[in-house]
Amino acid sequence: MASSGGKLKKAIRIIIDFLNVAIGISAVVLAVITFLDTQNNKWMFPLIFLLGAAMNLLTAIKHLMTERRISGIIMIFFGLLLTGIAYASRIAIGGL
């Protein structure tokens, strides 16, 4: 029988999976809306990058909870990279 710690980790991994699906769907919807009218919706680009960063960081947490620590560290790197890209795109479209 699994311990309560194992059940908690499994529940957290399931929650992370559901959050990743929700964030992924919202990122795709925002991307479609943005590319339909790029000129008026260019402010959404940093948000799309931040959603991608959130997905990477959630996946990193999931990997760090299991035996895949190296891939978790790589996911943290790419999550931070996407956060930097989001900030750079925010500056590029004319705001801080």
PDB file of N, CA and C in Angstrom:
ATOM      1  N   MET A   1       0.843  -1.177   0.000  1.00  0.00           N
ATOM      2  CA  MET A   1       0.000   0.000   0.000  1.00  0.00           C
ATOM      3  C   MET A   1       0.891   1.243   0.000  1.00  0.00           C
ATOM      4  N   ALA A   2       0.508   2.249  -0.761  1.00  0.00           N
ATOM      5  CA  ALA A   2       1.307   3.461  -0.880  1.00  0.00           C
ATOM      6  C   ALA A   2       1.174   4.310   0.369  1.00  0.00           C
ATOM      7  N   SER A   3       2.246   4.992   0.688  1.00  0.00           N
ATOM      8  CA  SER A   3       2.202   5.877   1.849  1.00  0.00           C
ATOM      9  C   SER A   3       1.448   7.151   1.493  1.00  0.00           C
ATOM     10  N   SER A   4       1.114   7.923   2.519  1.00  0.00           N
ATOM     11  CA  SER A   4       0.374   9.160   2.261  1.00  0.00           C
ATOM     12  C   SER A   4       1.242  10.170   1.523  1.00  0.00           C
ATOM     13  N   GLY A   5       2.583  10.105   1.712  1.00  0.00           N
ATOM     14  CA  GLY A   5       3.479  10.980   0.964  1.00  0.00           C
ATOM     15  C   GLY A   5       3.458  10.665  -0.511  1.00  0.00           C
ATOM     16  N   GLY A   6       3.379   9.373  -0.855  1.00  0.00           N
ATOM     17  CA  GLY A   6       3.298   8.973  -2.254  1.00  0.00           C
ATOM     18  C   GLY A   6       1.995   9.414  -2.892  1.00  0.00           C
ATOM     19  N   LYS A   7       0.915   9.341  -2.122  1.00  0.00           N
ATOM     20  CA  LYS A   7      -0.385   9.793  -2.641  1.00  0.00           C
ATOM     21  C   LYS A   7      -0.383  11.301  -2.862  1.00  0.00           C
ATOM     22  N   LEU A   8       0.282  12.022  -1.962  1.00  0.00           N
ATOM     23  CA  LEU A   8       0.356  13.474  -2.113  1.00  0.00           C
ATOM     24  C   LEU A   8       1.150  13.850  -3.366  1.00  0.00           C
ATOM     25  N   LYS A   9       2.275  13.180  -3.573  1.00  0.00           N
ATOM     26  CA  LYS A   9       3.073  13.458  -4.774  1.00  0.00           C
ATOM     27  C   LYS A   9       2.300  13.134  -6.040  1.00  0.00           C
ATOM     28  N   LYS A  10       1.554  12.046  -6.033  1.00  0.00           N
ATOM     29  CA  LYS A  10       0.759  11.680  -7.205  1.00  0.00           C
ATOM     30  C   LYS A  10      -0.330  12.719  -7.456  1.00  0.00           C
ATOM     31  N   ALA A  11      -0.966  13.204  -6.384  1.00  0.00           N
ATOM     32  CA  ALA A  11      -2.000  14.230  -6.536  1.00  0.00           C
ATOM     33  C   ALA A  11      -1.402  15.523  -7.078  1.00  0.00           C
ATOM     34  N   ILE A  12      -0.218  15.884  -6.604  1.00  0.00           N
ATOM     35  CA  ILE A  12       0.431  17.102  -7.086  1.00  0.00           C
ATOM     36  C   ILE A  12       0.786  16.963  -8.560  1.00  0.00           C
ATOM     37  N   ARG A  13       1.278  15.801  -8.961  1.00  0.00           N
ATOM     38  CA  ARG A  13       1.611  15.588 -10.376  1.00  0.00           C
ATOM     39  C   ARG A  13       0.365  15.670 -11.253  1.00  0.00           C
ATOM     40  N   ILE A  14      -0.759  15.156 -10.775  1.00  0.00           N
ATOM     41  CA  ILE A  14      -2.007  15.230 -11.547  1.00  0.00           C
ATOM     42  C   ILE A  14      -2.480  16.676 -11.665  1.00  0.00           C
ATOM     43  N   ILE A  15      -2.381  17.425 -10.577  1.00  0.00           N
ATOM     44  CA  ILE A  15      -2.764  18.842 -10.605  1.00  0.00           C
ATOM     45  C   ILE A  15      -1.881  19.607 -11.585  1.00  0.00           C
ATOM     46  N   ILE A  16      -0.575  19.322 -11.573  1.00  0.00           N
ATOM     47  CA  ILE A  16       0.343  19.977 -12.510  1.00  0.00           C
ATOM     48  C   ILE A  16      -0.031  19.635 -13.946  1.00  0.00           C
ATOM     49  N   ASP A  17      -0.411  18.387 -14.203  1.00  0.00           N
ATOM     50  CA  ASP A  17      -0.835  18.007 -15.555  1.00  0.00           C
ATOM     51  C   ASP A  17      -2.064  18.780 -15.994  1.00  0.00           C
ATOM     52  N   PHE A  18      -3.055  18.901 -15.113  1.00  0.00           N
ATOM     53  CA  PHE A  18      -4.263  19.653 -15.465  1.00  0.00           C
ATOM     54  C   PHE A  18      -3.952  21.128 -15.680  1.00  0.00           C
ATOM     55  N   LEU A  19      -3.080  21.696 -14.850  1.00  0.00           N
ATOM     56  CA  LEU A  19      -2.696  23.098 -15.038  1.00  0.00           C
ATOM     57  C   LEU A  19      -1.971  23.285 -16.366  1.00  0.00           C
ATOM     58  N   ASN A  20      -1.100  22.335 -16.717  1.00  0.00           N
ATOM     59  CA  ASN A  20      -0.396  22.431 -17.997  1.00  0.00           C
ATOM     60  C   ASN A  20      -1.359  22.382 -19.177  1.00  0.00           C
ATOM     61  N   VAL A  21      -2.369  21.545 -19.094  1.00  0.00           N
ATOM     62  CA  VAL A  21      -3.362  21.480 -20.171  1.00  0.00           C
ATOM     63  C   VAL A  21      -4.116  22.804 -20.275  1.00  0.00           C
ATOM     64  N   ALA A  22      -4.557  23.339 -19.144  1.00  0.00           N
ATOM     65  CA  ALA A  22      -5.299  24.609 -19.150  1.00  0.00           C
ATOM     66  C   ALA A  22      -4.432  25.749 -19.661  1.00  0.00           C
ATOM     67  N   ILE A  23      -3.185  25.817 -19.213  1.00  0.00           N
ATOM     68  CA  ILE A  23      -2.286  26.875 -19.663  1.00  0.00           C
ATOM     69  C   ILE A  23      -1.978  26.709 -21.151  1.00  0.00           C
ATOM     70  N   GLY A  24      -1.791  25.474 -21.601  1.00  0.00           N
ATOM     71  CA  GLY A  24      -1.517  25.231 -23.014  1.00  0.00           C
ATOM     72  C   GLY A  24      -2.668  25.643 -23.908  1.00  0.00           C
ATOM     73  N   ILE A  25      -3.878  25.306 -23.493  1.00  0.00           N
ATOM     74  CA  ILE A  25      -5.053  25.706 -24.281  1.00  0.00           C
ATOM     75  C   ILE A  25      -5.174  27.223 -24.325  1.00  0.00           C
ATOM     76  N   SER A  26      -4.977  27.878 -23.191  1.00  0.00           N
ATOM     77  CA  SER A  26      -5.089  29.338 -23.176  1.00  0.00           C
ATOM     78  C   SER A  26      -3.983  29.987 -24.009  1.00  0.00           C
ATOM     79  N   ALA A  27      -2.784  29.413 -24.011  1.00  0.00           N
ATOM     80  CA  ALA A  27      -1.706  29.966 -24.828  1.00  0.00           C
ATOM     81  C   ALA A  27      -2.029  29.843 -26.316  1.00  0.00           C
ATOM     82  N   VAL A  28      -2.589  28.717 -26.714  1.00  0.00           N
ATOM     83  CA  VAL A  28      -2.957  28.531 -28.128  1.00  0.00           C
ATOM     84  C   VAL A  28      -4.074  29.499 -28.524  1.00  0.00           C
ATOM     85  N   VAL A  29      -5.069  29.650 -27.669  1.00  0.00           N
ATOM     86  CA  VAL A  29      -6.170  30.580 -27.969  1.00  0.00           C
ATOM     87  C   VAL A  29      -5.641  32.011 -28.089  1.00  0.00           C
ATOM     88  N   LEU A  30      -4.788  32.421 -27.144  1.00  0.00           N
ATOM     89  CA  LEU A  30      -4.217  33.764 -27.226  1.00  0.00           C
ATOM     90  C   LEU A  30      -3.359  33.941 -28.478  1.00  0.00           C
ATOM     91  N   ALA A  31      -2.617  32.903 -28.859  1.00  0.00           N
ATOM     92  CA  ALA A  31      -1.790  32.996 -30.061  1.00  0.00           C
ATOM     93  C   ALA A  31      -2.654  33.160 -31.310  1.00  0.00           C
ATOM     94  N   VAL A  32      -3.745  32.419 -31.389  1.00  0.00           N
ATOM     95  CA  VAL A  32      -4.639  32.547 -32.542  1.00  0.00           C
ATOM     96  C   VAL A  32      -5.252  33.940 -32.585  1.00  0.00           C
ATOM     97  N   ILE A  33      -5.721  34.419 -31.450  1.00  0.00           N
ATOM     98  CA  ILE A  33      -6.303  35.771 -31.392  1.00  0.00           C
ATOM     99  C   ILE A  33      -5.264  36.814 -31.771  1.00  0.00           C
ATOM    100  N   THR A  34      -4.054  36.638 -31.283  1.00  0.00           N
ATOM    101  CA  THR A  34      -2.987  37.596 -31.566  1.00  0.00           C
ATOM    102  C   THR A  34      -2.653  37.636 -33.053  1.00  0.00           C
ATOM    103  N   PHE A  35      -2.546  36.470 -33.677  1.00  0.00           N
ATOM    104  CA  PHE A  35      -2.160  36.450 -35.084  1.00  0.00           C
ATOM    105  C   PHE A  35      -3.300  36.813 -36.024  1.00  0.00           C
ATOM    106  N   LEU A  36      -4.531  36.846 -35.548  1.00  0.00           N
ATOM    107  CA  LEU A  36      -5.636  37.318 -36.390  1.00  0.00           C
ATOM    108  C   LEU A  36      -5.540  38.816 -36.626  1.00  0.00           C
ATOM    109  N   ASP A  37      -5.106  39.554 -35.614  1.00  0.00           N
ATOM    110  CA  ASP A  37      -4.931  41.003 -35.737  1.00  0.00           C
ATOM    111  C   ASP A  37      -3.689  41.391 -34.948  1.00  0.00           C
ATOM    112  N   THR A  38      -2.539  41.198 -35.552  1.00  0.00           N
ATOM    113  CA  THR A  38      -1.267  41.391 -34.860  1.00  0.00           C
ATOM    114  C   THR A  38      -1.065  42.836 -34.415  1.00  0.00           C
ATOM    115  N   GLN A  39      -1.477  43.770 -35.222  1.00  0.00           N
ATOM    116  CA  GLN A  39      -1.222  45.168 -34.907  1.00  0.00           C
ATOM    117  C   GLN A  39      -1.926  45.608 -33.626  1.00  0.00           C
ATOM    118  N   ASN A  40      -3.158  45.200 -33.453  1.00  0.00           N
ATOM    119  CA  ASN A  40      -3.910  45.619 -32.267  1.00  0.00           C
ATOM    120  C   ASN A  40      -3.687  44.706 -31.066  1.00  0.00           C
ATOM    121  N   ASN A  41      -3.197  43.505 -31.291  1.00  0.00           N
ATOM    122  CA  ASN A  41      -3.040  42.547 -30.196  1.00  0.00           C
ATOM    123  C   ASN A  41      -1.585  42.207 -29.891  1.00  0.00           C
ATOM    124  N   LYS A  42      -0.668  43.057 -30.297  1.00  0.00           N
ATOM    125  CA  LYS A  42       0.739  42.751 -30.050  1.00  0.00           C
ATOM    126  C   LYS A  42       1.079  42.750 -28.564  1.00  0.00           C
ATOM    127  N   TRP A  43       0.254  43.353 -27.737  1.00  0.00           N
ATOM    128  CA  TRP A  43       0.492  43.364 -26.295  1.00  0.00           C
ATOM    129  C   TRP A  43       0.342  41.970 -25.689  1.00  0.00           C
ATOM    130  N   MET A  44      -0.242  41.031 -26.429  1.00  0.00           N
ATOM    131  CA  MET A  44      -0.430  39.675 -25.912  1.00  0.00           C
ATOM    132  C   MET A  44       0.821  38.800 -26.019  1.00  0.00           C
ATOM    133  N   PHE A  45       1.802  39.209 -26.828  1.00  0.00           N
ATOM    134  CA  PHE A  45       2.995  38.387 -26.999  1.00  0.00           C
ATOM    135  C   PHE A  45       3.718  38.103 -25.677  1.00  0.00           C
ATOM    136  N   PRO A  46       3.971  39.110 -24.835  1.00  0.00           N
ATOM    137  CA  PRO A  46       4.624  38.789 -23.552  1.00  0.00           C
ATOM    138  C   PRO A  46       3.799  37.824 -22.698  1.00  0.00           C
ATOM    139  N   LEU A  47       2.501  37.937 -22.760  1.00  0.00           N
ATOM    140  CA  LEU A  47       1.635  37.035 -21.998  1.00  0.00           C
ATOM    141  C   LEU A  47       1.759  35.598 -22.514  1.00  0.00           C
ATOM    142  N   ILE A  48       1.828  35.443 -23.820  1.00  0.00           N
ATOM    143  CA  ILE A  48       1.990  34.111 -24.403  1.00  0.00           C
ATOM    144  C   ILE A  48       3.322  33.500 -23.970  1.00  0.00           C
ATOM    145  N   PHE A  49       4.381  34.318 -23.994  1.00  0.00           N
ATOM    146  CA  PHE A  49       5.687  33.821 -23.541  1.00  0.00           C
ATOM    147  C   PHE A  49       5.662  33.462 -22.057  1.00  0.00           C
ATOM    148  N   LEU A  50       4.972  34.252 -21.250  1.00  0.00           N
ATOM    149  CA  LEU A  50       4.874  33.947 -19.818  1.00  0.00           C
ATOM    150  C   LEU A  50       4.089  32.660 -19.569  1.00  0.00           C
ATOM    151  N   LEU A  51       3.070  32.426 -20.365  1.00  0.00           N
ATOM    152  CA  LEU A  51       2.337  31.163 -20.236  1.00  0.00           C
ATOM    153  C   LEU A  51       3.229  29.981 -20.582  1.00  0.00           C
ATOM    154  N   GLY A  52       4.053  30.142 -21.615  1.00  0.00           N
ATOM    155  CA  GLY A  52       5.011  29.093 -21.958  1.00  0.00           C
ATOM    156  C   GLY A  52       6.022  28.874 -20.837  1.00  0.00           C
ATOM    157  N   ALA A  53       6.465  29.966 -20.224  1.00  0.00           N
ATOM    158  CA  ALA A  53       7.402  29.856 -19.100  1.00  0.00           C
ATOM    159  C   ALA A  53       6.747  29.146 -17.922  1.00  0.00           C
ATOM    160  N   ALA A  54       5.493  29.463 -17.664  1.00  0.00           N
ATOM    161  CA  ALA A  54       4.781  28.803 -16.558  1.00  0.00           C
ATOM    162  C   ALA A  54       4.655  27.307 -16.803  1.00  0.00           C
ATOM    163  N   MET A  55       4.376  26.935 -18.048  1.00  0.00           N
ATOM    164  CA  MET A  55       4.285  25.509 -18.369  1.00  0.00           C
ATOM    165  C   MET A  55       5.624  24.807 -18.144  1.00  0.00           C
ATOM    166  N   ASN A  56       6.715  25.450 -18.572  1.00  0.00           N
ATOM    167  CA  ASN A  56       8.033  24.857 -18.371  1.00  0.00           C
ATOM    168  C   ASN A  56       8.363  24.728 -16.886  1.00  0.00           C
ATOM    169  N   LEU A  57       8.047  25.746 -16.115  1.00  0.00           N
ATOM    170  CA  LEU A  57       8.376  25.703 -14.690  1.00  0.00           C
ATOM    171  C   LEU A  57       7.519  24.682 -13.948  1.00  0.00           C
ATOM    172  N   LEU A  58       6.266  24.544 -14.327  1.00  0.00           N
ATOM    173  CA  LEU A  58       5.433  23.501 -13.714  1.00  0.00           C
ATOM    174  C   LEU A  58       5.948  22.111 -14.065  1.00  0.00           C
ATOM    175  N   THR A  59       6.354  21.941 -15.310  1.00  0.00           N
ATOM    176  CA  THR A  59       6.918  20.657 -15.705  1.00  0.00           C
ATOM    177  C   THR A  59       8.228  20.389 -14.972  1.00  0.00           C
ATOM    178  N   ALA A  60       9.015  21.432 -14.734  1.00  0.00           N
ATOM    179  CA  ALA A  60      10.257  21.277 -13.983  1.00  0.00           C
ATOM    180  C   ALA A  60       9.984  20.802 -12.569  1.00  0.00           C
ATOM    181  N   ILE A  61       8.961  21.353 -11.935  1.00  0.00           N
ATOM    182  CA  ILE A  61       8.595  20.914 -10.593  1.00  0.00           C
ATOM    183  C   ILE A  61       8.219  19.437 -10.607  1.00  0.00           C
ATOM    184  N   LYS A  62       7.457  19.054 -11.605  1.00  0.00           N
ATOM    185  CA  LYS A  62       7.046  17.655 -11.724  1.00  0.00           C
ATOM    186  C   LYS A  62       8.251  16.742 -11.908  1.00  0.00           C
ATOM    187  N   HIS A  63       9.212  17.161 -12.732  1.00  0.00           N
ATOM    188  CA  HIS A  63      10.399  16.346 -12.966  1.00  0.00           C
ATOM    189  C   HIS A  63      11.282  16.281 -11.726  1.00  0.00           C
ATOM    190  N   LEU A  64      11.366  17.379 -11.000  1.00  0.00           N
ATOM    191  CA  LEU A  64      12.195  17.395  -9.798  1.00  0.00           C
ATOM    192  C   LEU A  64      11.621  16.515  -8.695  1.00  0.00           C
ATOM    193  N   MET A  65      10.324  16.272  -8.728  1.00  0.00           N
ATOM    194  CA  MET A  65       9.684  15.402  -7.742  1.00  0.00           C
ATOM    195  C   MET A  65       9.966  13.928  -8.023  1.00  0.00           C
ATOM    196  N   THR A  66      10.387  13.621  -9.239  1.00  0.00           N
ATOM    197  CA  THR A  66      10.664  12.227  -9.607  1.00  0.00           C
ATOM    198  C   THR A  66      12.170  12.046  -9.758  1.00  0.00           C
ATOM    199  N   GLU A  67      12.554  11.026 -10.448  1.00  0.00           N
ATOM    200  CA  GLU A  67      13.972  10.722 -10.639  1.00  0.00           C
ATOM    201  C   GLU A  67      14.614  11.531 -11.772  1.00  0.00           C
ATOM    202  N   ARG A  68      13.834  12.320 -12.493  1.00  0.00           N
ATOM    203  CA  ARG A  68      14.350  13.030 -13.663  1.00  0.00           C
ATOM    204  C   ARG A  68      14.808  14.434 -13.291  1.00  0.00           C
ATOM    205  N   ARG A  69      15.796  14.522 -12.445  1.00  0.00           N
ATOM    206  CA  ARG A  69      16.266  15.813 -11.938  1.00  0.00           C
ATOM    207  C   ARG A  69      16.995  16.630 -13.004  1.00  0.00           C
ATOM    208  N   ILE A  70      17.766  15.988 -13.869  1.00  0.00           N
ATOM    209  CA  ILE A  70      18.499  16.715 -14.913  1.00  0.00           C
ATOM    210  C   ILE A  70      17.517  17.398 -15.865  1.00  0.00           C
ATOM    211  N   SER A  71      16.481  16.680 -16.282  1.00  0.00           N
ATOM    212  CA  SER A  71      15.496  17.293 -17.180  1.00  0.00           C
ATOM    213  C   SER A  71      14.732  18.396 -16.456  1.00  0.00           C
ATOM    214  N   GLY A  72      14.545  18.263 -15.145  1.00  0.00           N
ATOM    215  CA  GLY A  72      13.911  19.333 -14.370  1.00  0.00           C
ATOM    216  C   GLY A  72      14.746  20.598 -14.367  1.00  0.00           C
ATOM    217  N   ILE A  73      16.051  20.445 -14.227  1.00  0.00           N
ATOM    218  CA  ILE A  73      16.946  21.606 -14.246  1.00  0.00           C
ATOM    219  C   ILE A  73      16.948  22.247 -15.633  1.00  0.00           C
ATOM    220  N   ILE A  74      16.924  21.428 -16.672  1.00  0.00           N
ATOM    221  CA  ILE A  74      16.864  21.958 -18.039  1.00  0.00           C
ATOM    222  C   ILE A  74      15.555  22.721 -18.254  1.00  0.00           C
ATOM    223  N   MET A  75      14.470  22.197 -17.737  1.00  0.00           N
ATOM    224  CA  MET A  75      13.169  22.877 -17.871  1.00  0.00           C
ATOM    225  C   MET A  75      13.157  24.205 -17.119  1.00  0.00           C
ATOM    226  N   ILE A  76      13.823  24.253 -15.966  1.00  0.00           N
ATOM    227  CA  ILE A  76      13.929  25.521 -15.233  1.00  0.00           C
ATOM    228  C   ILE A  76      14.682  26.537 -16.085  1.00  0.00           C
ATOM    229  N   PHE A  77      15.770  26.106 -16.711  1.00  0.00           N
ATOM    230  CA  PHE A  77      16.536  27.006 -17.570  1.00  0.00           C
ATOM    231  C   PHE A  77      15.660  27.579 -18.681  1.00  0.00           C
ATOM    232  N   PHE A  78      14.918  26.717 -19.375  1.00  0.00           N
ATOM    233  CA  PHE A  78      14.083  27.202 -20.468  1.00  0.00           C
ATOM    234  C   PHE A  78      12.910  28.044 -19.966  1.00  0.00           C
ATOM    235  N   GLY A  79      12.402  27.744 -18.783  1.00  0.00           N
ATOM    236  CA  GLY A  79      11.356  28.588 -18.199  1.00  0.00           C
ATOM    237  C   GLY A  79      11.863  29.983 -17.904  1.00  0.00           C
ATOM    238  N   LEU A  80      13.071  30.065 -17.358  1.00  0.00           N
ATOM    239  CA  LEU A  80      13.670  31.374 -17.097  1.00  0.00           C
ATOM    240  C   LEU A  80      14.020  32.087 -18.398  1.00  0.00           C
ATOM    241  N   LEU A  81      14.451  31.334 -19.404  1.00  0.00           N
ATOM    242  CA  LEU A  81      14.734  31.921 -20.711  1.00  0.00           C
ATOM    243  C   LEU A  81      13.467  32.524 -21.323  1.00  0.00           C
ATOM    244  N   LEU A  82      12.369  31.811 -21.248  1.00  0.00           N
ATOM    245  CA  LEU A  82      11.102  32.341 -21.767  1.00  0.00           C
ATOM    246  C   LEU A  82      10.620  33.554 -20.977  1.00  0.00           C
ATOM    247  N   THR A  83      10.888  33.571 -19.685  1.00  0.00           N
ATOM    248  CA  THR A  83      10.548  34.750 -18.886  1.00  0.00           C
ATOM    249  C   THR A  83      11.344  35.956 -19.367  1.00  0.00           C
ATOM    250  N   GLY A  84      12.627  35.759 -19.651  1.00  0.00           N
ATOM    251  CA  GLY A  84      13.445  36.842 -20.199  1.00  0.00           C
ATOM    252  C   GLY A  84      12.961  37.294 -21.564  1.00  0.00           C
ATOM    253  N   ILE A  85      12.547  36.351 -22.401  1.00  0.00           N
ATOM    254  CA  ILE A  85      12.015  36.697 -23.714  1.00  0.00           C
ATOM    255  C   ILE A  85      10.717  37.491 -23.569  1.00  0.00           C
ATOM    256  N   ALA A  86       9.890  37.118 -22.601  1.00  0.00           N
ATOM    257  CA  ALA A  86       8.651  37.864 -22.364  1.00  0.00           C
ATOM    258  C   ALA A  86       8.956  39.301 -21.969  1.00  0.00           C
ATOM    259  N   TYR A  87       9.945  39.472 -21.093  1.00  0.00           N
ATOM    260  CA  TYR A  87      10.318  40.820 -20.675  1.00  0.00           C
ATOM    261  C   TYR A  87      10.896  41.611 -21.846  1.00  0.00           C
ATOM    262  N   ALA A  88      11.742  40.973 -22.650  1.00  0.00           N
ATOM    263  CA  ALA A  88      12.325  41.649 -23.809  1.00  0.00           C
ATOM    264  C   ALA A  88      11.254  42.026 -24.830  1.00  0.00           C
ATOM    265  N   SER A  89      10.269  41.167 -25.026  1.00  0.00           N
ATOM    266  CA  SER A  89       9.201  41.488 -25.976  1.00  0.00           C
ATOM    267  C   SER A  89       8.328  42.618 -25.447  1.00  0.00           C
ATOM    268  N   ARG A  90       8.163  42.677 -24.131  1.00  0.00           N
ATOM    269  CA  ARG A  90       7.395  43.790 -23.536  1.00  0.00           C
ATOM    270  C   ARG A  90       8.097  45.108 -23.777  1.00  0.00           C
ATOM    271  N   ILE A  91       9.429  45.115 -23.630  1.00  0.00           N
ATOM    272  CA  ILE A  91      10.205  46.324 -23.901  1.00  0.00           C
ATOM    273  C   ILE A  91      10.139  46.659 -25.390  1.00  0.00           C
ATOM    274  N   ALA A  92      10.214  45.642 -26.258  1.00  0.00           N
ATOM    275  CA  ALA A  92      10.235  45.865 -27.701  1.00  0.00           C
ATOM    276  C   ALA A  92       8.934  46.470 -28.222  1.00  0.00           C
ATOM    277  N   ILE A  93       7.798  46.163 -27.571  1.00  0.00           N
ATOM    278  CA  ILE A  93       6.540  46.725 -28.071  1.00  0.00           C
ATOM    279  C   ILE A  93       6.236  48.087 -27.440  1.00  0.00           C
ATOM    280  N   GLY A  94       7.153  48.574 -26.618  1.00  0.00           N
ATOM    281  CA  GLY A  94       7.025  49.952 -26.165  1.00  0.00           C
ATOM    282  C   GLY A  94       6.612  50.137 -24.734  1.00  0.00           C
ATOM    283  N   GLY A  95       6.833  49.206 -23.883  1.00  0.00           N
ATOM    284  CA  GLY A  95       6.468  49.401 -22.486  1.00  0.00           C
ATOM    285  C   GLY A  95       7.463  48.738 -21.561  1.00  0.00           C
ATOM    286  N   LEU A  96       7.362  49.035 -20.305  1.00  0.00           N
ATOM    287  CA  LEU A  96       8.214  48.383 -19.313  1.00  0.00           C
ATOM    288  C   LEU A  96       7.331  47.561 -18.464  1.00  0.00           C
TER     289      LEU A  96
END
